[in-house]
Every structure is written in structure tokens, then in C-alpha cells.
Amino acid sequence: MQYLSQKLNLSADEAEKFWPVYKNYTKEVETLIAERHNKRQQDRTLPGDADDIARRNMDNDLGYEKRMYDIRSRYTNEFQRVLPARKAGAVFKSEREFRTIMLNHLNNQRLNRINQGGNFRRRP
């Protein structure tokens, strides 16, 4: 929240209007991500050869991407209702920047643990 507040330079009034909308947006995105994860877990138990599984995954991924696009499109409009256009337009960009910073930080931590001889468990 602090990163977005700083990047967007939200006034107190803007923040009061923005954060409830943003929290709803993140809930929808998190729900969609969880559904995707659960669907992939379920699909692993279904029978089929490699091509059947690949087709299912492609169809599922396309549906996921469309739903994510729909959520982002809807919230682009919602953000524009509560923020000036230049700030609303920076929400997704700032979110991507934050995610990149966090992933780099986590990767650096992991590399530091490896270089220091710490236990590192790879995910299957």
C-alpha cells in the first residue's frame, strides 16, 4: 500500500476513495489466481496423453487470461472514477514495478542462501 501511495502520490481524499476499490480489485485477482491453481491441481489427476493435457492447459490458460483482462478492464474504469486519469493509468504499471522489485529481492535472498551454503529446497 505504501509503495502504491508513494508512486501514485495520492492525496488523503484520493486515498480514501482509491483503497476500497483497489482492495476489491485485488480480491478478485486473488480469487482468480486461486481458481487457476486449483484447476491445475485437479487437471493433473485427469487421464489423458500429453497432447490432451496440453490442449486442456491451453484452453484453461486462455480462459484465465480473458477473465484477468475483463477484471483489469473493469477496474481501469473504476480507478478512473476515483482518481485523475494520469494516476489511474499508473496503477497497473506501479503494481508491476512493485512485483518486479519483490521478485528480485526474493531471488537475491535465495541466491544469498545458496552462496552461504544454506539449505535450499527446489520446488518440483
C-alpha atoms as a PDB file:
ATOM      1  CA  MET A   1       0.000   0.000   0.000  1.00  0.00           C
ATOM      2  CA  GLN A   2       2.812   2.349   0.896  1.00  0.00           C
ATOM      3  CA  TYR A   3       4.578   1.751  -2.421  1.00  0.00           C
ATOM      4  CA  LEU A   4       1.438   2.479  -4.449  1.00  0.00           C
ATOM      5  CA  SER A   5       0.576   5.512  -2.334  1.00  0.00           C
ATOM      6  CA  GLN A   6       4.002   6.977  -2.983  1.00  0.00           C
ATOM      7  CA  LYS A   7       4.133   6.065  -6.671  1.00  0.00           C
ATOM      8  CA  LEU A   8       0.651   7.449  -7.296  1.00  0.00           C
ATOM      9  CA  ASN A   9       1.187  10.416  -4.974  1.00  0.00           C
ATOM     10  CA  LEU A  10      -2.300  10.007  -3.534  1.00  0.00           C
ATOM     11  CA  SER A  11      -3.863  12.830  -1.612  1.00  0.00           C
ATOM     12  CA  ALA A  12      -5.806  11.920   1.537  1.00  0.00           C
ATOM     13  CA  ASP A  13      -9.104  12.306  -0.351  1.00  0.00           C
ATOM     14  CA  GLU A  14      -7.880  10.200  -3.282  1.00  0.00           C
ATOM     15  CA  ALA A  15      -6.542   7.506  -0.957  1.00  0.00           C
ATOM     16  CA  GLU A  16      -9.849   7.314   0.886  1.00  0.00           C
ATOM     17  CA  LYS A  17     -11.665   6.635  -2.395  1.00  0.00           C
ATOM     18  CA  PHE A  18      -8.960   4.534  -4.063  1.00  0.00           C
ATOM     19  CA  TRP A  19      -8.109   1.909  -1.429  1.00  0.00           C
ATOM     20  CA  PRO A  20     -11.556   0.286  -1.141  1.00  0.00           C
ATOM     21  CA  VAL A  21     -11.694  -0.058  -4.941  1.00  0.00           C
ATOM     22  CA  TYR A  22      -8.142  -1.410  -5.085  1.00  0.00           C
ATOM     23  CA  LYS A  23      -8.862  -3.917  -2.311  1.00  0.00           C
ATOM     24  CA  ASN A  24     -11.877  -5.210  -4.257  1.00  0.00           C
ATOM     25  CA  TYR A  25      -9.682  -5.482  -7.349  1.00  0.00           C
ATOM     26  CA  THR A  26      -7.006  -7.476  -5.505  1.00  0.00           C
ATOM     27  CA  LYS A  27      -9.648  -9.797  -4.009  1.00  0.00           C
ATOM     28  CA  GLU A  28     -10.968 -10.594  -7.477  1.00  0.00           C
ATOM     29  CA  VAL A  29      -7.477 -11.171  -8.850  1.00  0.00           C
ATOM     30  CA  GLU A  30      -6.508 -13.386  -5.899  1.00  0.00           C
ATOM     31  CA  THR A  31      -9.708 -15.395  -6.300  1.00  0.00           C
ATOM     32  CA  LEU A  32      -8.994 -15.906  -9.993  1.00  0.00           C
ATOM     33  CA  ILE A  33      -5.401 -16.960  -9.283  1.00  0.00           C
ATOM     34  CA  ALA A  34      -6.600 -19.441  -6.643  1.00  0.00           C
ATOM     35  CA  GLU A  35      -9.184 -20.856  -9.055  1.00  0.00           C
ATOM     36  CA  ARG A  36      -6.482 -21.282 -11.696  1.00  0.00           C
ATOM     37  CA  HIS A  37      -4.208 -23.049  -9.234  1.00  0.00           C
ATOM     38  CA  ASN A  38      -6.992 -25.357  -8.043  1.00  0.00           C
ATOM     39  CA  LYS A  39      -7.997 -26.140 -11.631  1.00  0.00           C
ATOM     40  CA  ARG A  40      -4.420 -27.084 -12.500  1.00  0.00           C
ATOM     41  CA  GLN A  41      -4.230 -29.334  -9.450  1.00  0.00           C
ATOM     42  CA  GLN A  42      -7.477 -31.051 -10.474  1.00  0.00           C
ATOM     43  CA  ASP A  43      -6.382 -31.393 -14.095  1.00  0.00           C
ATOM     44  CA  ARG A  44      -3.241 -33.249 -13.032  1.00  0.00           C
ATOM     45  CA  THR A  45      -5.430 -36.106 -11.847  1.00  0.00           C
ATOM     46  CA  LEU A  46      -7.399 -36.383 -15.107  1.00  0.00           C
ATOM     47  CA  PRO A  47      -6.455 -39.089 -17.580  1.00  0.00           C
ATOM     48  CA  GLY A  48      -5.074 -38.258 -20.985  1.00  0.00           C
ATOM     49  CA  ASP A  49      -1.965 -38.264 -23.071  1.00  0.00           C
ATOM     50  CA  ALA A  50       0.439 -35.333 -23.302  1.00  0.00           C
ATOM     51  CA  ASP A  51      -1.474 -33.732 -26.177  1.00  0.00           C
ATOM     52  CA  ASP A  52      -4.804 -33.919 -24.325  1.00  0.00           C
ATOM     53  CA  ILE A  53      -3.235 -32.319 -21.277  1.00  0.00           C
ATOM     54  CA  ALA A  54      -1.583 -29.609 -23.396  1.00  0.00           C
ATOM     55  CA  ARG A  55      -4.903 -28.778 -25.101  1.00  0.00           C
ATOM     56  CA  ARG A  56      -6.691 -28.586 -21.753  1.00  0.00           C
ATOM     57  CA  ASN A  57      -3.968 -26.333 -20.352  1.00  0.00           C
ATOM     58  CA  MET A  58      -4.103 -24.027 -23.368  1.00  0.00           C
ATOM     59  CA  ASP A  59      -7.883 -23.738 -23.144  1.00  0.00           C
ATOM     60  CA  ASN A  60      -7.746 -23.115 -19.404  1.00  0.00           C
ATOM     61  CA  ASP A  61      -4.959 -20.548 -19.750  1.00  0.00           C
ATOM     62  CA  LEU A  62      -6.827 -18.680 -22.468  1.00  0.00           C
ATOM     63  CA  GLY A  63      -9.941 -18.568 -20.298  1.00  0.00           C
ATOM     64  CA  TYR A  64      -7.870 -17.368 -17.362  1.00  0.00           C
ATOM     65  CA  GLU A  65      -6.225 -14.619 -19.428  1.00  0.00           C
ATOM     66  CA  LYS A  66      -9.608 -13.455 -20.721  1.00  0.00           C
ATOM     67  CA  ARG A  67     -11.063 -13.291 -17.218  1.00  0.00           C
ATOM     68  CA  MET A  68      -7.989 -11.393 -15.991  1.00  0.00           C
ATOM     69  CA  TYR A  69      -8.343  -8.965 -18.897  1.00  0.00           C
ATOM     70  CA  ASP A  70     -12.020  -8.469 -18.039  1.00  0.00           C
ATOM     71  CA  ILE A  71     -11.181  -7.726 -14.387  1.00  0.00           C
ATOM     72  CA  ARG A  72      -8.447  -5.267 -15.334  1.00  0.00           C
ATOM     73  CA  SER A  73     -10.686  -3.539 -17.892  1.00  0.00           C
ATOM     74  CA  ARG A  74     -13.477  -3.135 -15.371  1.00  0.00           C
ATOM     75  CA  TYR A  75     -11.140  -1.784 -12.707  1.00  0.00           C
ATOM     76  CA  THR A  76      -9.459   0.582 -15.149  1.00  0.00           C
ATOM     77  CA  ASN A  77     -12.846   2.282 -15.330  1.00  0.00           C
ATOM     78  CA  GLU A  78     -13.322   2.080 -11.567  1.00  0.00           C
ATOM     79  CA  PHE A  79      -9.909   3.627 -10.892  1.00  0.00           C
ATOM     80  CA  GLN A  80     -10.722   6.456 -13.306  1.00  0.00           C
ATOM     81  CA  ARG A  81     -13.878   7.183 -11.321  1.00  0.00           C
ATOM     82  CA  VAL A  82     -11.901   7.783  -8.125  1.00  0.00           C
ATOM     83  CA  LEU A  83      -8.570   9.130  -9.430  1.00  0.00           C
ATOM     84  CA  PRO A  84      -7.391  11.597 -12.061  1.00  0.00           C
ATOM     85  CA  ALA A  85      -6.655   9.819 -15.357  1.00  0.00           C
ATOM     86  CA  ARG A  86      -2.852  10.109 -15.058  1.00  0.00           C
ATOM     87  CA  LYS A  87      -2.910   8.437 -11.638  1.00  0.00           C
ATOM     88  CA  ALA A  88      -5.457   5.816 -12.647  1.00  0.00           C
ATOM     89  CA  GLY A  89      -3.304   4.989 -15.646  1.00  0.00           C
ATOM     90  CA  ALA A  90      -0.295   4.391 -13.403  1.00  0.00           C
ATOM     91  CA  VAL A  91      -1.939   1.862 -11.075  1.00  0.00           C
ATOM     92  CA  PHE A  92      -1.144  -1.281 -13.072  1.00  0.00           C
ATOM     93  CA  LYS A  93       2.316  -0.024 -14.049  1.00  0.00           C
ATOM     94  CA  SER A  94       3.179   0.708 -10.421  1.00  0.00           C
ATOM     95  CA  GLU A  95       1.842  -2.680  -9.398  1.00  0.00           C
ATOM     96  CA  ARG A  96       4.084  -4.396 -11.986  1.00  0.00           C
ATOM     97  CA  GLU A  97       7.088  -2.395 -10.797  1.00  0.00           C
ATOM     98  CA  PHE A  98       6.442  -3.417  -7.201  1.00  0.00           C
ATOM     99  CA  ARG A  99       6.069  -7.077  -8.180  1.00  0.00           C
ATOM    100  CA  THR A 100       9.374  -6.916 -10.095  1.00  0.00           C
ATOM    101  CA  ILE A 101      11.135  -5.341  -7.121  1.00  0.00           C
ATOM    102  CA  MET A 102       9.780  -8.015  -4.777  1.00  0.00           C
ATOM    103  CA  LEU A 103      10.705 -10.890  -7.105  1.00  0.00           C
ATOM    104  CA  ASN A 104      14.233  -9.523  -7.489  1.00  0.00           C
ATOM    105  CA  HIS A 105      14.515  -9.206  -3.722  1.00  0.00           C
ATOM    106  CA  LEU A 106      13.320 -12.788  -3.181  1.00  0.00           C
ATOM    107  CA  ASN A 107      15.669 -14.114  -5.848  1.00  0.00           C
ATOM    108  CA  ASN A 108      18.590 -12.256  -4.274  1.00  0.00           C
ATOM    109  CA  GLN A 109      17.730 -13.710  -0.861  1.00  0.00           C
ATOM    110  CA  ARG A 110      17.592 -17.197  -2.346  1.00  0.00           C
ATOM    111  CA  LEU A 111      20.946 -16.737  -4.085  1.00  0.00           C
ATOM    112  CA  ASN A 112      22.483 -15.435  -0.862  1.00  0.00           C
ATOM    113  CA  ARG A 113      21.282 -18.542   0.993  1.00  0.00           C
ATOM    114  CA  ILE A 114      22.745 -20.784  -1.713  1.00  0.00           C
ATOM    115  CA  ASN A 115      26.069 -18.923  -1.702  1.00  0.00           C
ATOM    116  CA  GLN A 116      26.253 -19.176   2.085  1.00  0.00           C
ATOM    117  CA  GLY A 117      25.703 -22.924   1.964  1.00  0.00           C
ATOM    118  CA  GLY A 118      22.197 -22.752   3.369  1.00  0.00           C
ATOM    119  CA  ASN A 119      19.617 -25.366   2.707  1.00  0.00           C
ATOM    120  CA  PHE A 120      17.738 -24.705  -0.467  1.00  0.00           C
ATOM    121  CA  ARG A 121      14.820 -26.775  -1.500  1.00  0.00           C
ATOM    122  CA  ARG A 122      13.793 -26.617  -5.118  1.00  0.00           C
ATOM    123  CA  ARG A 123      10.140 -26.717  -5.935  1.00  0.00           C
ATOM    124  CA  PRO A 124       9.127 -29.715  -8.071  1.00  0.00           C
END
